[in-house]
Amino acid sequence: MAKSIGRAELVALLCEKKNLNKQAATDILDTIIKAIIENLSQGKSIKIPGFGTFSVRHKNSRPGRNPKTGEKVEITSRKVVTLRPSPHFKEKLDSKHAV
């Protein structure tokens, strides 16, 4: 399984690639994340060309099962965030020279 990167690594990447100080990079990342959360919570989708579209989807409640005990449980309805990758993004993931 591939290693995931976290917030600190994203900030460091912004600093390196865009020659920013750590505070400026942190502010930019915070602003982007807050804008995404705010718009998704208002039911809006977010389209980032070359990357994809974030949207909120409603999942209905359904019967489930506790994997440890086998007991039947009701999985409550909820909202989930989905990302539909752009064709360019899919192409880059499939290419041998991913960005």
N, C-alpha and C. Protein backbone atom coordinates (compact mmCIF):
# COMPACT_ATOMS: atom_id res chain seq x y z
N MET A 1 0.84 -1.18 0.00
CA MET A 1 0.00 0.00 0.00
C MET A 1 0.89 1.24 0.00
N ALA A 2 0.49 2.24 -0.77
CA ALA A 2 1.27 3.47 -0.90
C ALA A 2 1.19 4.28 0.39
N LYS A 3 2.26 4.97 0.69
CA LYS A 3 2.31 5.84 1.86
C LYS A 3 1.45 7.07 1.58
N SER A 4 0.72 7.50 2.59
CA SER A 4 -0.07 8.72 2.43
C SER A 4 0.73 9.90 2.97
N ILE A 5 0.39 11.08 2.48
CA ILE A 5 1.04 12.28 2.99
C ILE A 5 0.02 13.08 3.77
N GLY A 6 0.50 13.84 4.71
CA GLY A 6 -0.39 14.61 5.56
C GLY A 6 -0.28 16.10 5.32
N ARG A 7 -0.89 16.82 6.21
CA ARG A 7 -0.93 18.27 6.12
C ARG A 7 0.47 18.89 6.10
N ALA A 8 1.35 18.42 6.99
CA ALA A 8 2.71 18.97 7.07
C ALA A 8 3.47 18.77 5.76
N GLU A 9 3.27 17.61 5.14
CA GLU A 9 3.94 17.35 3.86
C GLU A 9 3.39 18.22 2.74
N LEU A 10 2.08 18.48 2.76
CA LEU A 10 1.49 19.38 1.77
C LEU A 10 2.01 20.80 1.93
N VAL A 11 2.12 21.25 3.18
CA VAL A 11 2.65 22.58 3.45
C VAL A 11 4.10 22.66 2.96
N ALA A 12 4.89 21.64 3.27
CA ALA A 12 6.29 21.61 2.84
C ALA A 12 6.39 21.63 1.31
N LEU A 13 5.51 20.91 0.65
CA LEU A 13 5.50 20.88 -0.82
C LEU A 13 5.17 22.26 -1.39
N LEU A 14 4.18 22.95 -0.80
CA LEU A 14 3.86 24.31 -1.23
C LEU A 14 5.07 25.24 -1.03
N CYS A 15 5.73 25.11 0.10
CA CYS A 15 6.91 25.94 0.37
C CYS A 15 7.98 25.72 -0.68
N GLU A 16 8.23 24.46 -0.99
CA GLU A 16 9.29 24.10 -1.94
C GLU A 16 8.95 24.52 -3.37
N LYS A 17 7.76 24.17 -3.82
CA LYS A 17 7.39 24.40 -5.22
C LYS A 17 7.09 25.86 -5.55
N LYS A 18 6.55 26.60 -4.58
CA LYS A 18 6.14 27.98 -4.85
C LYS A 18 6.97 29.00 -4.08
N ASN A 19 8.04 28.55 -3.47
CA ASN A 19 8.96 29.43 -2.75
C ASN A 19 8.22 30.30 -1.73
N LEU A 20 7.41 29.65 -0.91
CA LEU A 20 6.65 30.34 0.12
C LEU A 20 7.24 30.04 1.49
N ASN A 21 6.97 30.92 2.45
CA ASN A 21 7.36 30.58 3.82
C ASN A 21 6.28 29.67 4.39
N LYS A 22 6.58 29.04 5.51
CA LYS A 22 5.68 28.04 6.08
C LYS A 22 4.33 28.64 6.45
N GLN A 23 4.31 29.85 7.00
CA GLN A 23 3.04 30.47 7.40
C GLN A 23 2.17 30.76 6.19
N ALA A 24 2.75 31.28 5.13
CA ALA A 24 1.97 31.57 3.91
C ALA A 24 1.40 30.29 3.31
N ALA A 25 2.21 29.24 3.26
CA ALA A 25 1.75 27.97 2.71
C ALA A 25 0.63 27.39 3.56
N THR A 26 0.76 27.49 4.88
CA THR A 26 -0.27 27.00 5.79
C THR A 26 -1.56 27.78 5.60
N ASP A 27 -1.46 29.11 5.46
CA ASP A 27 -2.64 29.94 5.24
C ASP A 27 -3.35 29.58 3.94
N ILE A 28 -2.59 29.34 2.88
CA ILE A 28 -3.17 28.97 1.59
C ILE A 28 -3.90 27.65 1.70
N LEU A 29 -3.26 26.65 2.30
CA LEU A 29 -3.88 25.34 2.45
C LEU A 29 -5.15 25.44 3.31
N ASP A 30 -5.08 26.19 4.41
CA ASP A 30 -6.25 26.37 5.27
C ASP A 30 -7.41 27.02 4.52
N THR A 31 -7.10 28.03 3.72
CA THR A 31 -8.13 28.75 2.96
C THR A 31 -8.80 27.82 1.96
N ILE A 32 -8.02 27.01 1.27
CA ILE A 32 -8.57 26.07 0.29
C ILE A 32 -9.47 25.04 0.97
N ILE A 33 -8.98 24.47 2.07
CA ILE A 33 -9.76 23.45 2.78
C ILE A 33 -11.06 24.05 3.33
N LYS A 34 -10.99 25.24 3.92
CA LYS A 34 -12.19 25.88 4.46
C LYS A 34 -13.20 26.18 3.35
N ALA A 35 -12.72 26.63 2.20
CA ALA A 35 -13.62 26.93 1.08
C ALA A 35 -14.30 25.66 0.58
N ILE A 36 -13.56 24.58 0.50
CA ILE A 36 -14.14 23.30 0.06
C ILE A 36 -15.21 22.85 1.05
N ILE A 37 -14.90 22.86 2.33
CA ILE A 37 -15.85 22.42 3.36
C ILE A 37 -17.10 23.30 3.37
N GLU A 38 -16.90 24.62 3.32
CA GLU A 38 -18.03 25.54 3.36
C GLU A 38 -18.97 25.33 2.18
N ASN A 39 -18.41 25.22 0.99
CA ASN A 39 -19.26 25.06 -0.20
C ASN A 39 -19.94 23.70 -0.24
N LEU A 40 -19.24 22.65 0.15
CA LEU A 40 -19.86 21.33 0.18
C LEU A 40 -20.98 21.28 1.23
N SER A 41 -20.78 21.93 2.37
CA SER A 41 -21.82 21.93 3.41
C SER A 41 -23.06 22.70 2.96
N GLN A 42 -22.91 23.60 2.00
CA GLN A 42 -24.05 24.33 1.43
C GLN A 42 -24.68 23.58 0.26
N GLY A 43 -24.19 22.39 -0.02
CA GLY A 43 -24.76 21.58 -1.09
C GLY A 43 -24.20 21.88 -2.46
N LYS A 44 -23.17 22.71 -2.53
CA LYS A 44 -22.56 23.04 -3.81
C LYS A 44 -21.49 22.00 -4.14
N SER A 45 -21.25 21.80 -5.43
CA SER A 45 -20.13 20.95 -5.84
C SER A 45 -18.96 21.86 -6.18
N ILE A 46 -17.77 21.28 -6.17
CA ILE A 46 -16.56 22.05 -6.44
C ILE A 46 -15.82 21.36 -7.59
N LYS A 47 -15.66 22.10 -8.68
CA LYS A 47 -14.98 21.56 -9.84
C LYS A 47 -13.62 22.22 -9.96
N ILE A 48 -12.58 21.37 -9.98
CA ILE A 48 -11.22 21.84 -10.15
C ILE A 48 -10.71 21.24 -11.46
N PRO A 49 -10.65 22.06 -12.52
CA PRO A 49 -10.23 21.54 -13.82
C PRO A 49 -8.87 20.84 -13.74
N GLY A 50 -8.79 19.69 -14.38
CA GLY A 50 -7.56 18.92 -14.37
C GLY A 50 -7.44 18.02 -13.16
N PHE A 51 -8.34 18.16 -12.19
CA PHE A 51 -8.31 17.34 -10.99
C PHE A 51 -9.59 16.54 -10.83
N GLY A 52 -10.72 17.23 -10.70
CA GLY A 52 -11.98 16.53 -10.56
C GLY A 52 -13.05 17.38 -9.91
N THR A 53 -14.17 16.73 -9.60
CA THR A 53 -15.30 17.41 -9.00
C THR A 53 -15.66 16.77 -7.67
N PHE A 54 -15.65 17.58 -6.61
CA PHE A 54 -16.10 17.14 -5.31
C PHE A 54 -17.60 17.40 -5.23
N SER A 55 -18.34 16.46 -4.68
CA SER A 55 -19.77 16.69 -4.47
C SER A 55 -20.22 15.90 -3.24
N VAL A 56 -21.39 16.28 -2.73
CA VAL A 56 -21.98 15.61 -1.59
C VAL A 56 -23.08 14.71 -2.10
N ARG A 57 -23.10 13.49 -1.59
CA ARG A 57 -24.11 12.52 -1.98
C ARG A 57 -24.80 12.01 -0.73
N HIS A 58 -26.10 11.82 -0.81
CA HIS A 58 -26.86 11.29 0.32
C HIS A 58 -26.94 9.77 0.20
N LYS A 59 -26.61 9.09 1.29
CA LYS A 59 -26.75 7.63 1.33
C LYS A 59 -27.90 7.30 2.28
N ASN A 60 -28.83 6.51 1.81
CA ASN A 60 -29.97 6.12 2.62
C ASN A 60 -29.55 5.14 3.70
N SER A 61 -30.39 5.02 4.74
CA SER A 61 -30.10 4.03 5.78
C SER A 61 -30.30 2.64 5.17
N ARG A 62 -29.59 1.68 5.76
CA ARG A 62 -29.68 0.31 5.23
C ARG A 62 -29.32 -0.66 6.34
N PRO A 63 -29.75 -1.90 6.17
CA PRO A 63 -29.38 -2.90 7.17
C PRO A 63 -27.91 -3.29 7.00
N GLY A 64 -27.27 -3.56 8.10
CA GLY A 64 -25.88 -3.98 8.07
C GLY A 64 -25.65 -5.05 9.11
N ARG A 65 -24.39 -5.41 9.28
CA ARG A 65 -24.05 -6.45 10.23
C ARG A 65 -22.75 -6.08 10.92
N ASN A 66 -22.69 -6.24 12.23
CA ASN A 66 -21.47 -6.03 12.98
C ASN A 66 -20.50 -7.15 12.61
N PRO A 67 -19.33 -6.82 12.07
CA PRO A 67 -18.42 -7.87 11.62
C PRO A 67 -17.86 -8.73 12.75
N LYS A 68 -17.78 -8.20 13.95
CA LYS A 68 -17.24 -8.98 15.08
C LYS A 68 -18.27 -9.95 15.64
N THR A 69 -19.50 -9.45 15.83
CA THR A 69 -20.51 -10.28 16.50
C THR A 69 -21.51 -10.90 15.54
N GLY A 70 -21.60 -10.38 14.33
CA GLY A 70 -22.59 -10.87 13.38
C GLY A 70 -23.98 -10.32 13.64
N GLU A 71 -24.11 -9.45 14.65
CA GLU A 71 -25.40 -8.87 15.01
C GLU A 71 -25.88 -7.91 13.92
N LYS A 72 -27.19 -7.96 13.63
CA LYS A 72 -27.77 -7.05 12.64
C LYS A 72 -27.86 -5.65 13.25
N VAL A 73 -27.48 -4.65 12.48
CA VAL A 73 -27.56 -3.26 12.92
C VAL A 73 -28.09 -2.41 11.76
N GLU A 74 -28.64 -1.28 12.11
CA GLU A 74 -29.12 -0.33 11.11
C GLU A 74 -28.03 0.70 10.85
N ILE A 75 -27.58 0.82 9.63
CA ILE A 75 -26.61 1.84 9.26
C ILE A 75 -27.42 3.08 8.90
N THR A 76 -27.19 4.16 9.64
CA THR A 76 -28.01 5.36 9.49
C THR A 76 -27.73 6.07 8.17
N SER A 77 -28.70 6.86 7.74
CA SER A 77 -28.50 7.65 6.52
C SER A 77 -27.47 8.73 6.83
N ARG A 78 -26.74 9.13 5.81
CA ARG A 78 -25.70 10.12 6.02
C ARG A 78 -25.32 10.75 4.68
N LYS A 79 -24.56 11.81 4.78
CA LYS A 79 -24.01 12.46 3.59
C LYS A 79 -22.55 12.05 3.47
N VAL A 80 -22.11 11.82 2.24
CA VAL A 80 -20.72 11.47 1.99
C VAL A 80 -20.17 12.37 0.89
N VAL A 81 -18.89 12.64 0.96
CA VAL A 81 -18.22 13.45 -0.06
C VAL A 81 -17.63 12.50 -1.09
N THR A 82 -17.86 12.80 -2.35
CA THR A 82 -17.29 11.99 -3.42
C THR A 82 -16.40 12.87 -4.30
N LEU A 83 -15.43 12.24 -4.91
CA LEU A 83 -14.57 12.92 -5.88
C LEU A 83 -14.67 12.15 -7.18
N ARG A 84 -15.10 12.86 -8.20
CA ARG A 84 -15.14 12.28 -9.53
C ARG A 84 -13.92 12.85 -10.27
N PRO A 85 -12.89 12.01 -10.49
CA PRO A 85 -11.67 12.52 -11.11
C PRO A 85 -11.90 12.93 -12.57
N SER A 86 -11.16 13.96 -12.97
CA SER A 86 -11.25 14.42 -14.36
C SER A 86 -10.54 13.42 -15.27
N PRO A 87 -10.84 13.46 -16.56
CA PRO A 87 -10.15 12.57 -17.50
C PRO A 87 -8.63 12.78 -17.46
N HIS A 88 -8.19 14.04 -17.31
CA HIS A 88 -6.76 14.33 -17.25
C HIS A 88 -6.13 13.67 -16.02
N PHE A 89 -6.82 13.73 -14.89
CA PHE A 89 -6.35 13.12 -13.66
C PHE A 89 -6.26 11.60 -13.83
N LYS A 90 -7.30 10.99 -14.40
CA LYS A 90 -7.29 9.55 -14.63
C LYS A 90 -6.13 9.14 -15.53
N GLU A 91 -5.89 9.94 -16.56
CA GLU A 91 -4.80 9.67 -17.49
C GLU A 91 -3.45 9.69 -16.77
N LYS A 92 -3.25 10.70 -15.91
CA LYS A 92 -2.00 10.82 -15.16
C LYS A 92 -1.82 9.66 -14.19
N LEU A 93 -2.91 9.19 -13.58
CA LEU A 93 -2.80 8.05 -12.68
C LEU A 93 -2.41 6.78 -13.42
N ASP A 94 -2.88 6.65 -14.64
CA ASP A 94 -2.58 5.46 -15.41
C ASP A 94 -1.24 5.52 -16.12
N SER A 95 -0.69 6.72 -16.28
CA SER A 95 0.57 6.84 -17.02
C SER A 95 1.75 6.40 -16.15
N LYS A 96 2.81 6.03 -16.80
CA LYS A 96 4.02 5.59 -16.09
C LYS A 96 4.79 6.77 -15.52
N HIS A 97 4.48 7.97 -16.00
CA HIS A 97 5.19 9.17 -15.56
C HIS A 97 4.22 10.10 -14.83
N ALA A 98 3.58 9.60 -13.80
CA ALA A 98 2.62 10.41 -13.06
C ALA A 98 3.31 11.63 -12.46
N VAL A 99 2.58 12.73 -12.39
CA VAL A 99 3.12 13.98 -11.87
C VAL A 99 3.39 13.85 -10.39
